[in-house]
Amino acid sequence: MGARFHPWPFTQPTKTELMIRLLFLLHRYLGIVVGLVMLIWTVSGIIMMYKVYPELDQWQKLGLLQNLDTDSCCQLPASPAIHSERFSEARIEMLANVPVLRLDSTDRGMVTYSLVDGQHMEPLDQQQAAGLAEDFVARRYPDNRYAFDAQIHNDQWTVYGAYNALRPLYRYTLDDQAGTQFYLSSQSGEVIQITTREQRVWGYLGAVIHWLYPTVLRQHTVLWTQVVIWLTILGIFLTATGLYIGIRQYRNRSNGRISPYRGLALYHHYAGLVFGVLTLTWVASGLLSMNPWGTLEGEGMQLEVRRLQERAINWQDVEGVVAQLSERDVSDYARLQIEVLAGERQIVAHSSSGEAVRLAGTTLQPQALSMVALADLSRRLLPGSSIESQALLTASDRYYYDHHELLEFPIYRVVYDDAQNRHYYLSPVNGQLVRKIDSELRLYRWLFYGIHRGDFSAFLRSRPVWDLFMVLFLLGVTLVCGTGSYMAIRRVRRDLALSKYKAESALLYEQSLEEF
């Protein structure tokens, strides 16, 4: 027998060649799972441009309240223990025709008292909740009937931590065409969430997919956080390796064409060369939304809030406001928010339409903050530092803008001439701190909100400029992820078919030997 002919001489691959082969394999097989995740991120991202996760904002919650009726008011709790408590929040509002006092105690959390008899409101059973639900439907949906759905701890639309203090929840369904469902808290008696069928469908296709928000995962906050962080890191690695491979193959091409590939691989290569860097920056900026390991979290603004307030709300503040309710007509308002500013009591009266008015803490008469008062408050924020500028803004600036959310305007901006060039935004209604921007949050603003959401400038945020920019950008990223995922799956199917063929061939060979 003659020697077997090898068309290419066998040479031992170098370490560099082995590493490159490994990189190709990692990119190919990582693209099966992570590439699919990135694909649904991009598609759901386009949906989220127009359909947001259903959630009641502060103005919508006010719109659910009745105007105050204090004719049957006011009996305060008789317990002497409450007199020594401190509160982070205190408000007066209606609950099914009963004026109530809601206190967020530093010791007991949120508690509610009836101002008719001063009794503490215990957690509601199903029958009591049904009475509140009936009152809510009669006021808001008078032409519809409702049905009790379930008592739940959480579901897809009440899964995250903001609802923890309000659980368990009672869910009800209306018979309207919109398929409306509303959720009532057993702890406070408030309607805390309302969704429609359309919101739920688009919520699943958009935010739930994009944020990896299915209840089974999201209810475990630590696990969910780690899953999102590490999947995003793998997405960054997949994109970075794809960029390296794409550029390397472009440089090493020998056919005189831009790309050495054909078919779908050609389109993936082209898309990667054009949109690869954008894909990488988009995925990396998405990682920042999780603030992994404390990255770009900022200093927080608790210290400045305490400087503005000077002290917490105490029982004397609450008692002083309630004592005036029988002497002052407050029926134009849906909520009285008791606050402390510069050590003095004040009240912010909210209407159901969302308007807010500052009332004097001693008379409940309107008393707006002057520009002089706002300037005095500004100096409390960073004692010992000089103020670079301060002004009342009636429109957005670089760090306070209302593109994706409703914000309070006008707003009082204070810029300090310190090492971090801190920006503070105070409400001109009550003087409270609304937003703070330090050096970390400034960087976060550009790396996340700028890159990930296209919030670079007022011009780019204008419609339809923003729509065209973001849709084109996301479609390019979708093309990269979609072609890569499809090729990876196709290659796996081919490898599995080849393995099956080899196994069947080996079996047939063994059988033939046995027969021989």
Protein backbone atom coordinates (compact mmCIF):
# COMPACT_ATOMS: atom_id res chain seq x y z
CA MET A 1 0.00 0.00 0.00
CA GLY A 2 1.25 3.44 -0.82
CA ALA A 3 1.53 6.27 1.64
CA ARG A 4 -1.66 8.39 2.16
CA PHE A 5 -1.42 11.76 0.42
CA HIS A 6 -2.03 14.95 2.45
CA PRO A 7 -2.87 17.96 0.26
CA TRP A 8 -1.59 20.37 2.94
CA PRO A 9 1.50 19.72 5.06
CA PHE A 10 0.55 19.36 8.71
CA THR A 11 1.92 22.11 10.93
CA GLN A 12 1.35 22.59 14.65
CA PRO A 13 -0.83 25.71 15.18
CA THR A 14 0.75 28.48 17.16
CA LYS A 15 -0.69 29.72 20.46
CA THR A 16 -1.99 32.81 18.69
CA GLU A 17 -3.80 30.69 16.09
CA LEU A 18 -5.28 28.51 18.82
CA MET A 19 -6.51 31.58 20.70
CA ILE A 20 -8.08 32.98 17.54
CA ARG A 21 -9.82 29.65 16.85
CA LEU A 22 -11.10 29.62 20.42
CA LEU A 23 -12.32 33.19 20.00
CA PHE A 24 -14.22 32.19 16.86
CA LEU A 25 -15.83 29.26 18.68
CA LEU A 26 -16.76 31.36 21.72
CA HIS A 27 -18.30 34.03 19.54
CA ARG A 28 -20.24 31.46 17.53
CA TYR A 29 -21.70 29.45 20.39
CA LEU A 30 -22.15 32.36 22.81
CA GLY A 31 -24.22 33.98 20.09
CA ILE A 32 -26.85 31.26 20.38
CA VAL A 33 -28.09 32.28 23.83
CA VAL A 34 -26.69 35.76 24.42
CA GLY A 35 -27.27 36.81 20.82
CA LEU A 36 -30.95 35.90 21.14
CA VAL A 37 -31.19 37.89 24.37
CA MET A 38 -29.62 40.90 22.67
CA LEU A 39 -32.01 40.49 19.75
CA ILE A 40 -35.09 40.67 22.00
CA TRP A 41 -33.49 43.63 23.83
CA THR A 42 -33.30 45.60 20.60
CA VAL A 43 -36.78 44.72 19.32
CA SER A 44 -38.39 45.36 22.70
CA GLY A 45 -36.40 48.59 22.92
CA ILE A 46 -38.20 49.89 19.84
CA ILE A 47 -41.54 49.01 21.45
CA MET A 48 -40.55 50.80 24.65
CA MET A 49 -40.04 54.01 22.71
CA TYR A 50 -43.83 54.21 22.42
CA LYS A 51 -45.31 51.82 25.00
CA VAL A 52 -44.08 52.11 28.57
CA TYR A 53 -44.42 49.81 31.56
CA PRO A 54 -47.84 50.51 33.15
CA GLU A 55 -47.38 52.46 36.36
CA LEU A 56 -49.27 55.30 38.01
CA ASP A 57 -47.20 58.47 38.35
CA GLN A 58 -47.69 60.97 41.16
CA TRP A 59 -50.17 63.07 39.16
CA GLN A 60 -52.26 60.06 38.18
CA LYS A 61 -52.42 58.95 41.80
CA LEU A 62 -53.69 62.40 42.79
CA GLY A 63 -56.35 62.11 40.11
CA LEU A 64 -57.77 59.05 41.87
CA LEU A 65 -58.43 60.95 45.12
CA GLN A 66 -61.65 62.62 46.23
CA ASN A 67 -61.63 66.24 47.27
CA LEU A 68 -61.32 66.69 51.01
CA ASP A 69 -64.49 66.74 53.11
CA THR A 70 -63.72 67.66 56.73
CA ASP A 71 -67.29 68.11 57.98
CA SER A 72 -66.94 64.97 60.11
CA CYS A 73 -63.39 65.85 61.17
CA CYS A 74 -61.42 65.71 63.36
CA GLN A 75 -60.57 63.15 66.01
CA LEU A 76 -56.89 62.39 66.54
CA PRO A 77 -55.45 59.10 67.82
CA ALA A 78 -55.53 58.89 71.61
CA SER A 79 -52.38 56.79 72.04
CA PRO A 80 -49.73 58.79 73.95
CA ALA A 81 -46.93 56.75 72.35
CA ILE A 82 -47.48 58.47 69.02
CA HIS A 83 -46.62 61.86 70.55
CA SER A 84 -42.92 60.99 70.68
CA GLU A 85 -42.67 59.53 67.17
CA ARG A 86 -40.99 61.14 64.18
CA PHE A 87 -42.37 60.93 60.66
CA SER A 88 -40.82 61.12 57.21
CA GLU A 89 -44.23 61.70 55.63
CA ALA A 90 -47.61 62.95 56.85
CA ARG A 91 -50.64 63.60 54.68
CA ILE A 92 -54.39 64.04 54.96
CA GLU A 93 -56.72 62.70 52.27
CA MET A 94 -60.02 60.89 51.78
CA LEU A 95 -60.63 57.15 51.83
CA ALA A 96 -64.17 56.23 50.73
CA ASN A 97 -65.75 59.44 52.10
CA VAL A 98 -63.73 59.26 55.34
CA PRO A 99 -60.91 61.78 56.00
CA VAL A 100 -57.78 59.89 57.01
CA LEU A 101 -54.34 60.73 58.34
CA ARG A 102 -51.46 58.78 56.81
CA LEU A 103 -48.15 58.78 58.68
CA ASP A 104 -44.87 57.21 57.62
CA SER A 105 -43.36 56.53 61.03
CA THR A 106 -39.65 55.85 61.40
CA ASP A 107 -40.57 53.08 63.86
CA ARG A 108 -43.71 51.49 62.39
CA GLY A 109 -43.70 52.32 58.70
CA MET A 110 -46.84 53.64 57.00
CA VAL A 111 -49.89 53.77 59.30
CA THR A 112 -53.37 55.19 58.67
CA TYR A 113 -55.83 56.72 61.12
CA SER A 114 -59.45 57.71 60.61
CA LEU A 115 -59.96 61.37 61.47
CA VAL A 116 -63.62 60.65 62.25
CA ASP A 117 -62.95 58.51 65.32
CA GLY A 118 -59.13 58.51 65.61
CA GLN A 119 -58.93 54.73 65.19
CA HIS A 120 -55.95 53.01 63.60
CA MET A 121 -56.89 51.31 60.34
CA GLU A 122 -55.98 47.64 60.53
CA PRO A 123 -55.15 45.61 57.39
CA LEU A 124 -58.28 45.07 55.32
CA ASP A 125 -59.93 41.71 54.84
CA GLN A 126 -61.61 40.82 51.57
CA GLN A 127 -65.02 42.09 52.64
CA GLN A 128 -63.69 45.47 53.77
CA ALA A 129 -61.65 45.81 50.59
CA ALA A 130 -64.79 45.07 48.54
CA GLY A 131 -66.48 48.10 50.09
CA LEU A 132 -63.61 50.38 49.08
CA ALA A 133 -63.52 48.83 45.60
CA GLU A 134 -67.25 49.46 45.19
CA ASP A 135 -66.82 53.11 46.17
CA PHE A 136 -63.88 53.50 43.75
CA VAL A 137 -65.77 51.98 40.82
CA ALA A 138 -68.87 54.09 41.57
CA ARG A 139 -66.76 57.26 41.39
CA ARG A 140 -64.41 56.40 38.53
CA TYR A 141 -66.30 53.87 36.40
CA PRO A 142 -70.00 54.43 37.18
CA ASP A 143 -71.22 52.63 34.05
CA ASN A 144 -69.27 49.44 34.67
CA ARG A 145 -69.47 46.44 36.92
CA TYR A 146 -66.48 44.85 38.58
CA ALA A 147 -65.52 41.44 39.94
CA PHE A 148 -63.04 40.33 42.56
CA ASP A 149 -60.18 38.56 40.85
CA ALA A 150 -57.75 37.40 43.55
CA GLN A 151 -55.83 38.27 46.67
CA ILE A 152 -52.20 38.30 45.61
CA HIS A 153 -48.78 39.05 47.01
CA ASN A 154 -47.58 40.27 43.62
CA ASP A 155 -48.03 39.77 39.91
CA GLN A 156 -46.36 41.05 36.76
CA TRP A 157 -47.54 44.65 37.29
CA THR A 158 -46.90 44.89 41.03
CA VAL A 159 -43.71 42.87 41.29
CA TYR A 160 -41.07 45.35 42.36
CA GLY A 161 -40.14 46.68 45.77
CA ALA A 162 -42.12 49.95 45.77
CA TYR A 163 -45.24 47.91 46.55
CA ASN A 164 -43.78 45.86 49.40
CA ALA A 165 -45.23 47.99 52.21
CA LEU A 166 -48.68 47.76 50.61
CA ARG A 167 -48.98 43.97 50.30
CA PRO A 168 -51.00 41.79 50.14
CA LEU A 169 -53.05 43.24 47.31
CA TYR A 170 -56.62 42.75 46.11
CA ARG A 171 -57.02 42.63 42.34
CA TYR A 172 -60.31 43.47 40.60
CA THR A 173 -61.43 43.33 36.96
CA LEU A 174 -63.90 45.66 35.26
CA ASP A 175 -66.28 44.56 32.51
CA ASP A 176 -65.26 47.46 30.25
CA GLN A 177 -63.94 47.10 26.70
CA ALA A 178 -60.43 48.12 27.82
CA GLY A 179 -60.14 45.09 30.12
CA THR A 180 -59.22 47.30 33.07
CA GLN A 181 -57.80 45.78 36.25
CA PHE A 182 -57.12 47.69 39.45
CA TYR A 183 -55.22 46.80 42.62
CA LEU A 184 -56.18 47.80 46.13
CA SER A 185 -53.74 47.68 49.05
CA SER A 186 -54.84 45.74 52.13
CA GLN A 187 -52.53 47.92 54.24
CA SER A 188 -53.61 51.42 53.16
CA GLY A 189 -56.89 50.89 51.30
CA GLU A 190 -55.50 52.85 48.33
CA VAL A 191 -55.83 51.93 44.68
CA ILE A 192 -52.15 51.62 43.84
CA GLN A 193 -52.15 50.29 40.26
CA ILE A 194 -54.46 50.30 37.23
CA THR A 195 -53.77 48.50 33.95
CA THR A 196 -55.66 47.92 30.72
CA ARG A 197 -55.46 44.94 28.38
CA GLU A 198 -53.53 46.98 25.81
CA GLN A 199 -51.02 48.15 28.43
CA ARG A 200 -50.48 44.60 29.61
CA VAL A 201 -49.91 43.22 26.10
CA TRP A 202 -47.46 45.96 25.13
CA GLY A 203 -45.92 45.77 28.60
CA TYR A 204 -45.05 42.12 28.04
CA LEU A 205 -43.70 42.73 24.53
CA GLY A 206 -41.74 45.79 25.62
CA ALA A 207 -40.63 46.42 29.19
CA VAL A 208 -41.02 42.89 30.59
CA ILE A 209 -38.84 41.41 27.86
CA HIS A 210 -36.40 44.31 27.77
CA TRP A 211 -35.82 44.40 31.52
CA LEU A 212 -35.97 40.59 31.90
CA TYR A 213 -38.91 41.30 34.18
CA PRO A 214 -40.98 38.08 34.37
CA THR A 215 -42.41 37.76 37.86
CA VAL A 216 -40.74 34.42 38.56
CA LEU A 217 -37.34 36.15 38.23
CA ARG A 218 -38.01 39.78 39.16
CA GLN A 219 -39.54 38.95 42.56
CA HIS A 220 -36.07 37.75 43.63
CA THR A 221 -34.34 41.11 43.39
CA VAL A 222 -30.76 40.00 44.10
CA LEU A 223 -30.97 37.08 41.66
CA TRP A 224 -32.61 39.25 38.99
CA THR A 225 -29.93 41.91 39.39
CA GLN A 226 -27.09 39.41 38.98
CA VAL A 227 -28.73 37.72 35.98
CA VAL A 228 -29.15 41.03 34.16
CA ILE A 229 -25.63 42.22 35.02
CA TRP A 230 -23.89 39.03 33.90
CA LEU A 231 -25.98 38.58 30.75
CA THR A 232 -25.11 42.16 29.81
CA ILE A 233 -21.41 41.52 30.48
CA LEU A 234 -21.60 38.45 28.23
CA GLY A 235 -23.33 40.63 25.63
CA ILE A 236 -20.45 43.10 25.81
CA PHE A 237 -17.94 40.26 25.40
CA LEU A 238 -19.89 38.79 22.46
CA THR A 239 -20.04 42.18 20.72
CA ALA A 240 -16.38 42.97 21.39
CA THR A 241 -15.21 39.62 20.02
CA GLY A 242 -17.46 40.08 17.00
CA LEU A 243 -15.91 43.48 16.33
CA TYR A 244 -12.40 42.01 16.60
CA ILE A 245 -13.24 39.11 14.28
CA GLY A 246 -15.01 41.36 11.79
CA ILE A 247 -12.10 43.81 11.55
CA ARG A 248 -9.54 40.97 11.42
CA GLN A 249 -11.38 39.22 8.60
CA TYR A 250 -11.68 42.49 6.70
CA ARG A 251 -7.92 43.08 6.97
CA ASN A 252 -7.03 39.48 6.05
CA ARG A 253 -9.36 39.16 3.05
CA SER A 254 -7.66 37.77 -0.07
CA ASN A 255 -10.45 37.94 -2.63
CA GLY A 256 -10.20 41.69 -3.25
CA ARG A 257 -13.69 42.24 -1.85
CA ILE A 258 -14.68 44.13 1.29
CA SER A 259 -15.69 40.90 2.98
CA PRO A 260 -14.44 37.32 2.55
CA TYR A 261 -17.93 35.97 3.35
CA ARG A 262 -20.94 35.13 1.26
CA GLY A 263 -24.66 34.78 1.90
CA LEU A 264 -26.03 35.64 5.32
CA ALA A 265 -22.52 35.78 6.78
CA LEU A 266 -21.76 38.60 4.36
CA TYR A 267 -24.69 40.68 5.69
CA HIS A 268 -23.67 39.93 9.28
CA HIS A 269 -20.12 41.04 8.52
CA TYR A 270 -21.26 44.26 6.85
CA ALA A 271 -23.75 45.02 9.64
CA GLY A 272 -21.08 44.38 12.25
CA LEU A 273 -18.60 46.69 10.55
CA VAL A 274 -21.18 49.49 10.29
CA PHE A 275 -23.14 49.07 13.52
CA GLY A 276 -20.75 47.04 15.70
CA VAL A 277 -19.40 49.97 17.69
CA LEU A 278 -22.91 51.31 18.22
CA THR A 279 -24.02 47.86 19.38
CA LEU A 280 -21.13 47.70 21.83
CA THR A 281 -21.79 51.16 23.29
CA TRP A 282 -25.53 50.47 23.52
CA VAL A 283 -25.08 47.20 25.43
CA ALA A 284 -22.38 48.69 27.66
CA SER A 285 -24.56 51.70 28.48
CA GLY A 286 -27.41 49.34 29.32
CA LEU A 287 -25.17 47.74 31.93
CA LEU A 288 -24.85 51.12 33.65
CA SER A 289 -28.61 51.21 34.24
CA MET A 290 -28.02 48.52 36.88
CA ASN A 291 -25.23 50.52 38.59
CA PRO A 292 -23.21 47.30 38.95
CA TRP A 293 -21.18 47.16 42.15
CA GLY A 294 -22.06 50.77 42.93
CA THR A 295 -20.79 52.19 39.64
CA LEU A 296 -21.95 55.78 39.02
CA GLU A 297 -24.57 55.72 41.79
CA GLY A 298 -23.73 59.22 42.93
CA GLU A 299 -23.55 60.59 46.45
CA GLY A 300 -27.29 60.66 47.08
CA MET A 301 -29.02 63.73 48.44
CA GLN A 302 -30.09 62.68 51.94
CA LEU A 303 -27.61 65.07 53.59
CA GLU A 304 -28.88 68.08 51.65
CA VAL A 305 -32.51 67.12 52.34
CA ARG A 306 -31.80 67.12 56.07
CA ARG A 307 -30.08 70.51 55.79
CA LEU A 308 -33.14 71.97 54.10
CA GLN A 309 -35.58 70.49 56.59
CA GLU A 310 -33.46 70.84 59.76
CA ARG A 311 -35.69 68.36 61.58
CA ALA A 312 -38.22 65.59 61.02
CA ILE A 313 -41.99 65.98 61.17
CA ASN A 314 -43.24 65.52 64.73
CA TRP A 315 -46.63 65.01 66.33
CA GLN A 316 -46.98 68.70 67.16
CA ASP A 317 -46.78 69.49 63.43
CA VAL A 318 -49.57 67.02 62.68
CA GLU A 319 -51.71 68.13 65.59
CA GLY A 320 -51.34 71.80 64.65
CA VAL A 321 -52.56 71.23 61.10
CA VAL A 322 -55.49 68.97 62.04
CA ALA A 323 -56.68 71.51 64.64
CA GLN A 324 -57.17 74.09 61.86
CA LEU A 325 -59.22 71.91 59.51
CA SER A 326 -62.52 72.89 61.11
CA GLU A 327 -61.71 76.59 60.57
CA ARG A 328 -60.40 76.52 57.01
CA ASP A 329 -62.20 75.36 53.86
CA VAL A 330 -59.92 72.86 52.12
CA SER A 331 -62.56 71.26 49.87
CA ASP A 332 -60.72 72.42 46.72
CA TYR A 333 -57.84 70.09 47.53
CA ALA A 334 -57.46 66.31 47.39
CA ARG A 335 -54.42 66.05 49.68
CA LEU A 336 -52.71 68.09 52.37
CA GLN A 337 -49.03 67.19 52.66
CA ILE A 338 -47.47 68.20 55.99
CA GLU A 339 -43.78 69.09 55.65
CA VAL A 340 -40.95 70.83 57.47
CA LEU A 341 -38.76 73.43 55.76
CA ALA A 342 -35.93 75.26 57.55
CA GLY A 343 -37.33 73.98 60.84
CA GLU A 344 -40.81 75.43 60.23
CA ARG A 345 -44.02 73.60 59.47
CA GLN A 346 -45.58 74.07 56.03
CA ILE A 347 -48.38 72.41 54.09
CA VAL A 348 -48.53 71.64 50.39
CA ALA A 349 -52.11 71.36 49.15
CA HIS A 350 -52.58 69.20 46.06
CA SER A 351 -55.62 69.28 43.81
CA SER A 352 -56.80 66.18 41.96
CA SER A 353 -55.69 67.85 38.72
CA GLY A 354 -52.09 67.86 39.96
CA GLU A 355 -51.69 71.52 40.90
CA ALA A 356 -49.85 72.26 44.14
CA VAL A 357 -50.08 75.28 46.45
CA ARG A 358 -47.97 76.05 49.51
CA LEU A 359 -49.96 76.94 52.64
CA ALA A 360 -48.65 78.57 55.79
CA GLY A 361 -48.24 76.05 58.58
CA THR A 362 -50.01 78.20 61.15
CA THR A 363 -52.98 79.53 59.15
CA LEU A 364 -53.45 77.18 56.17
CA GLN A 365 -53.53 80.29 53.99
CA PRO A 366 -51.67 80.35 50.64
CA GLN A 367 -48.09 81.53 51.14
CA ALA A 368 -45.81 81.14 48.14
CA LEU A 369 -42.05 80.97 48.54
CA SER A 370 -40.32 84.12 47.34
CA MET A 371 -37.16 84.19 45.24
CA VAL A 372 -35.36 85.55 48.32
CA ALA A 373 -36.53 82.53 50.32
CA LEU A 374 -35.35 80.15 47.60
CA ALA A 375 -31.96 81.88 47.52
CA ASP A 376 -31.68 81.49 51.30
CA LEU A 377 -32.51 77.79 51.02
CA SER A 378 -29.88 77.38 48.31
CA ARG A 379 -27.13 78.44 50.68
CA ARG A 380 -28.04 75.60 53.03
CA LEU A 381 -27.19 72.92 50.50
CA LEU A 382 -23.39 73.14 50.62
CA PRO A 383 -22.27 75.32 53.53
CA GLY A 384 -18.83 76.81 52.94
CA SER A 385 -19.01 76.57 49.13
CA SER A 386 -19.77 79.40 46.76
CA ILE A 387 -22.70 79.45 44.37
CA GLU A 388 -21.84 79.84 40.70
CA SER A 389 -25.39 80.55 39.53
CA GLN A 390 -29.02 80.21 40.53
CA ALA A 391 -32.15 80.81 38.48
CA LEU A 392 -35.75 79.80 37.98
CA LEU A 393 -35.99 77.57 34.91
CA THR A 394 -39.15 77.34 32.86
CA ALA A 395 -37.70 74.87 30.34
CA SER A 396 -35.36 71.89 30.31
CA ASP A 397 -31.60 72.05 30.65
CA ARG A 398 -28.91 69.38 30.17
CA TYR A 399 -29.67 67.48 33.39
CA TYR A 400 -33.34 68.19 34.03
CA TYR A 401 -35.59 67.53 31.05
CA ASP A 402 -38.99 65.95 30.50
CA HIS A 403 -38.50 63.74 27.45
CA HIS A 404 -39.43 60.36 28.97
CA GLU A 405 -41.24 61.50 32.10
CA LEU A 406 -43.35 64.37 33.37
CA LEU A 407 -41.40 66.77 35.56
CA GLU A 408 -42.24 69.79 37.66
CA PHE A 409 -41.78 73.17 35.95
CA PRO A 410 -40.76 75.82 36.70
CA ILE A 411 -37.82 74.53 38.74
CA TYR A 412 -35.21 76.46 40.73
CA ARG A 413 -31.66 75.48 39.71
CA VAL A 414 -28.63 76.10 41.90
CA VAL A 415 -25.12 75.45 40.53
CA TYR A 416 -22.22 75.37 42.99
CA ASP A 417 -18.67 76.35 42.14
CA ASP A 418 -17.12 73.32 43.84
CA ALA A 419 -14.88 70.50 42.64
CA GLN A 420 -17.86 68.46 41.36
CA ASN A 421 -19.79 71.45 39.99
CA ARG A 422 -22.91 70.11 41.72
CA HIS A 423 -26.31 71.03 40.32
CA TYR A 424 -29.37 71.17 42.59
CA TYR A 425 -32.99 71.50 41.54
CA LEU A 426 -35.46 72.83 44.11
CA SER A 427 -39.23 72.92 43.83
CA PRO A 428 -40.34 76.58 43.90
CA VAL A 429 -43.63 75.41 45.45
CA ASN A 430 -42.28 73.87 48.66
CA GLY A 431 -38.49 74.42 48.49
CA GLN A 432 -37.74 70.70 48.68
CA LEU A 433 -34.85 69.14 46.77
CA VAL A 434 -36.10 67.40 43.61
CA ARG A 435 -32.82 66.38 41.94
CA LYS A 436 -29.08 66.53 42.49
CA ILE A 437 -26.34 66.05 39.91
CA ASP A 438 -22.79 65.35 41.07
CA SER A 439 -19.77 64.24 39.02
CA GLU A 440 -20.81 60.56 38.95
CA LEU A 441 -24.40 61.30 37.99
CA ARG A 442 -23.21 63.75 35.35
CA LEU A 443 -21.18 60.95 33.77
CA TYR A 444 -24.13 58.56 34.16
CA ARG A 445 -26.37 61.07 32.42
CA TRP A 446 -24.22 61.05 29.27
CA LEU A 447 -23.16 57.38 29.26
CA PHE A 448 -26.62 55.95 29.94
CA TYR A 449 -29.29 58.50 29.07
CA GLY A 450 -27.24 59.87 26.18
CA ILE A 451 -25.97 56.69 24.56
CA HIS A 452 -28.73 54.26 25.51
CA ARG A 453 -31.75 56.52 25.04
CA GLY A 454 -30.51 59.17 22.63
CA ASP A 455 -30.90 62.02 25.12
CA PHE A 456 -27.88 63.97 23.96
CA SER A 457 -29.48 67.34 23.28
CA ALA A 458 -32.79 69.16 23.05
CA PHE A 459 -32.63 68.94 19.25
CA LEU A 460 -32.06 65.17 19.27
CA ARG A 461 -34.91 64.73 21.76
CA SER A 462 -37.32 66.65 19.52
CA ARG A 463 -39.85 64.62 17.54
CA PRO A 464 -39.56 63.18 14.94
CA VAL A 465 -35.75 63.62 15.00
CA TRP A 466 -35.45 61.35 18.05
CA ASP A 467 -37.73 58.70 16.50
CA LEU A 468 -35.75 58.56 13.27
CA PHE A 469 -32.40 58.46 15.06
CA MET A 470 -33.37 55.78 17.58
CA VAL A 471 -35.30 53.54 15.17
CA LEU A 472 -32.46 53.60 12.61
CA PHE A 473 -29.94 52.93 15.36
CA LEU A 474 -31.93 50.06 16.89
CA LEU A 475 -32.72 48.51 13.50
CA GLY A 476 -28.98 48.42 12.76
CA VAL A 477 -28.30 46.74 16.09
CA THR A 478 -31.20 44.34 15.42
CA LEU A 479 -29.63 43.40 12.07
CA VAL A 480 -26.32 42.60 13.74
CA CYS A 481 -27.93 40.49 16.49
CA GLY A 482 -30.53 38.84 14.26
CA THR A 483 -28.15 37.64 11.55
CA GLY A 484 -25.62 36.49 14.13
CA SER A 485 -28.20 34.55 16.15
CA TYR A 486 -29.64 32.87 13.07
CA MET A 487 -26.21 31.79 11.82
CA ALA A 488 -25.23 30.47 15.25
CA ILE A 489 -28.41 28.40 15.51
CA ARG A 490 -27.99 27.14 11.95
CA ARG A 491 -24.40 26.10 12.69
CA VAL A 492 -25.45 24.22 15.82
CA ARG A 493 -28.17 22.37 13.91
CA ARG A 494 -25.61 21.45 11.26
CA ASP A 495 -23.12 20.26 13.92
CA LEU A 496 -25.82 18.18 15.60
CA ALA A 497 -26.83 16.65 12.26
CA LEU A 498 -23.19 15.85 11.51
CA SER A 499 -22.72 14.27 14.93
CA LYS A 500 -25.85 12.20 14.39
CA TYR A 501 -24.59 11.13 10.96
CA LYS A 502 -21.19 10.14 12.37
CA ALA A 503 -22.84 8.17 15.18
CA GLU A 504 -25.12 6.36 12.73
CA SER A 505 -22.18 5.65 10.41
CA ALA A 506 -20.12 4.25 13.28
CA LEU A 507 -23.04 2.05 14.31
CA LEU A 508 -23.50 0.75 10.78
CA TYR A 509 -19.76 0.06 10.55
CA GLU A 510 -19.82 -1.92 13.79
CA GLN A 511 -22.85 -3.88 12.58
CA SER A 512 -21.12 -4.68 9.30
CA LEU A 513 -18.09 -6.00 11.16
CA GLU A 514 -20.30 -8.21 13.27
CA GLU A 515 -22.05 -9.57 10.18
CA PHE A 516 -18.69 -10.19 8.49
